[in-house]
Amino acid sequence: MSDVINLRRERKRRKGAEDAKAADANRRLHGRTKGQKMTENMEKQRLKNLLDGRKISSGLSGNHSEKP
């Protein structure tokens, strides 16, 4: 004969295993250390500053060719 199992406990055990699997997948996708986040933010800021420094002004503020 087979063992008698409590269905409620078995459901909870399976749900816990599925939740752990989903949490592991999320850690792989989204998990980064504080240092990695800071490095990425600093790199984004550096690139933004680099691009802002190379922008060509549109000339709207100092356009003298328009008639009043």
C-alpha atoms as a PDB file:
ATOM      1  CA  MET A   1       0.000   0.000   0.000  1.00  0.00           C
ATOM      2  CA  SER A   2       1.049   3.571  -0.543  1.00  0.00           C
ATOM      3  CA  ASP A   3       1.574   6.207   2.077  1.00  0.00           C
ATOM      4  CA  VAL A   4      -1.220   8.538   3.050  1.00  0.00           C
ATOM      5  CA  ILE A   5      -0.381  12.167   2.378  1.00  0.00           C
ATOM      6  CA  ASN A   6      -2.015  15.375   3.461  1.00  0.00           C
ATOM      7  CA  LEU A   7      -3.123  17.128   0.246  1.00  0.00           C
ATOM      8  CA  ARG A   8      -3.017  20.593   1.806  1.00  0.00           C
ATOM      9  CA  ARG A   9       0.602  20.116   2.846  1.00  0.00           C
ATOM     10  CA  GLU A  10       1.519  18.705  -0.552  1.00  0.00           C
ATOM     11  CA  ARG A  11      -0.057  21.718  -2.323  1.00  0.00           C
ATOM     12  CA  LYS A  12       1.832  24.099  -0.046  1.00  0.00           C
ATOM     13  CA  ARG A  13       5.086  22.214  -0.655  1.00  0.00           C
ATOM     14  CA  ARG A  14       4.632  22.338  -4.446  1.00  0.00           C
ATOM     15  CA  LYS A  15       3.673  26.014  -4.373  1.00  0.00           C
ATOM     16  CA  GLY A  16       6.753  26.776  -2.295  1.00  0.00           C
ATOM     17  CA  ALA A  17       8.955  24.952  -4.795  1.00  0.00           C
ATOM     18  CA  GLU A  18       7.391  26.860  -7.720  1.00  0.00           C
ATOM     19  CA  ASP A  19       7.782  30.174  -5.901  1.00  0.00           C
ATOM     20  CA  ALA A  20      11.433  29.406  -5.192  1.00  0.00           C
ATOM     21  CA  LYS A  21      12.001  28.616  -8.855  1.00  0.00           C
ATOM     22  CA  ALA A  22      10.360  31.901  -9.935  1.00  0.00           C
ATOM     23  CA  ALA A  23      12.382  33.849  -7.355  1.00  0.00           C
ATOM     24  CA  ASP A  24      15.595  32.310  -8.654  1.00  0.00           C
ATOM     25  CA  ALA A  25      14.705  33.319 -12.219  1.00  0.00           C
ATOM     26  CA  ASN A  26      13.946  36.887 -11.061  1.00  0.00           C
ATOM     27  CA  ARG A  27      17.259  37.084  -9.223  1.00  0.00           C
ATOM     28  CA  ARG A  28      19.067  36.118 -12.403  1.00  0.00           C
ATOM     29  CA  LEU A  29      17.160  38.682 -14.473  1.00  0.00           C
ATOM     30  CA  HIS A  30      17.066  41.633 -12.081  1.00  0.00           C
ATOM     31  CA  GLY A  31      19.555  40.965  -9.344  1.00  0.00           C
ATOM     32  CA  ARG A  32      22.565  43.250  -9.304  1.00  0.00           C
ATOM     33  CA  THR A  33      24.784  44.367  -6.504  1.00  0.00           C
ATOM     34  CA  LYS A  34      24.839  47.952  -5.278  1.00  0.00           C
ATOM     35  CA  GLY A  35      28.261  48.426  -6.840  1.00  0.00           C
ATOM     36  CA  GLN A  36      27.034  47.218 -10.221  1.00  0.00           C
ATOM     37  CA  LYS A  37      24.071  49.611 -10.078  1.00  0.00           C
ATOM     38  CA  MET A  38      26.330  52.541  -9.143  1.00  0.00           C
ATOM     39  CA  THR A  39      28.786  51.702 -11.917  1.00  0.00           C
ATOM     40  CA  GLU A  40      25.987  51.536 -14.472  1.00  0.00           C
ATOM     41  CA  ASN A  41      24.494  54.847 -13.293  1.00  0.00           C
ATOM     42  CA  MET A  42      27.896  56.541 -13.401  1.00  0.00           C
ATOM     43  CA  GLU A  43      28.479  55.260 -16.942  1.00  0.00           C
ATOM     44  CA  LYS A  44      25.050  56.524 -18.063  1.00  0.00           C
ATOM     45  CA  GLN A  45      25.779  59.938 -16.542  1.00  0.00           C
ATOM     46  CA  ARG A  46      29.202  60.068 -18.212  1.00  0.00           C
ATOM     47  CA  LEU A  47      27.696  59.280 -21.612  1.00  0.00           C
ATOM     48  CA  LYS A  48      24.920  61.841 -21.100  1.00  0.00           C
ATOM     49  CA  ASN A  49      27.460  64.527 -20.219  1.00  0.00           C
ATOM     50  CA  LEU A  50      29.561  63.564 -23.234  1.00  0.00           C
ATOM     51  CA  LEU A  51      26.588  63.875 -25.570  1.00  0.00           C
ATOM     52  CA  ASP A  52      25.413  67.136 -23.994  1.00  0.00           C
ATOM     53  CA  GLY A  53      28.856  68.618 -24.514  1.00  0.00           C
ATOM     54  CA  ARG A  54      28.764  67.810 -28.225  1.00  0.00           C
ATOM     55  CA  LYS A  55      25.302  69.232 -28.966  1.00  0.00           C
ATOM     56  CA  ILE A  56      25.048  71.908 -31.601  1.00  0.00           C
ATOM     57  CA  SER A  57      23.014  74.849 -30.420  1.00  0.00           C
ATOM     58  CA  SER A  58      19.774  75.364 -32.338  1.00  0.00           C
ATOM     59  CA  GLY A  59      20.292  79.126 -32.588  1.00  0.00           C
ATOM     60  CA  LEU A  60      16.806  80.008 -31.414  1.00  0.00           C
ATOM     61  CA  SER A  61      18.012  82.152 -28.547  1.00  0.00           C
ATOM     62  CA  GLY A  62      20.458  84.228 -30.565  1.00  0.00           C
ATOM     63  CA  ASN A  63      18.819  84.306 -33.979  1.00  0.00           C
ATOM     64  CA  HIS A  64      19.107  87.891 -35.285  1.00  0.00           C
ATOM     65  CA  SER A  65      17.902  87.221 -38.838  1.00  0.00           C
ATOM     66  CA  GLU A  66      14.215  87.468 -37.902  1.00  0.00           C
ATOM     67  CA  LYS A  67      12.389  90.753 -38.314  1.00  0.00           C
ATOM     68  CA  PRO A  68      10.623  92.185 -35.257  1.00  0.00           C
END
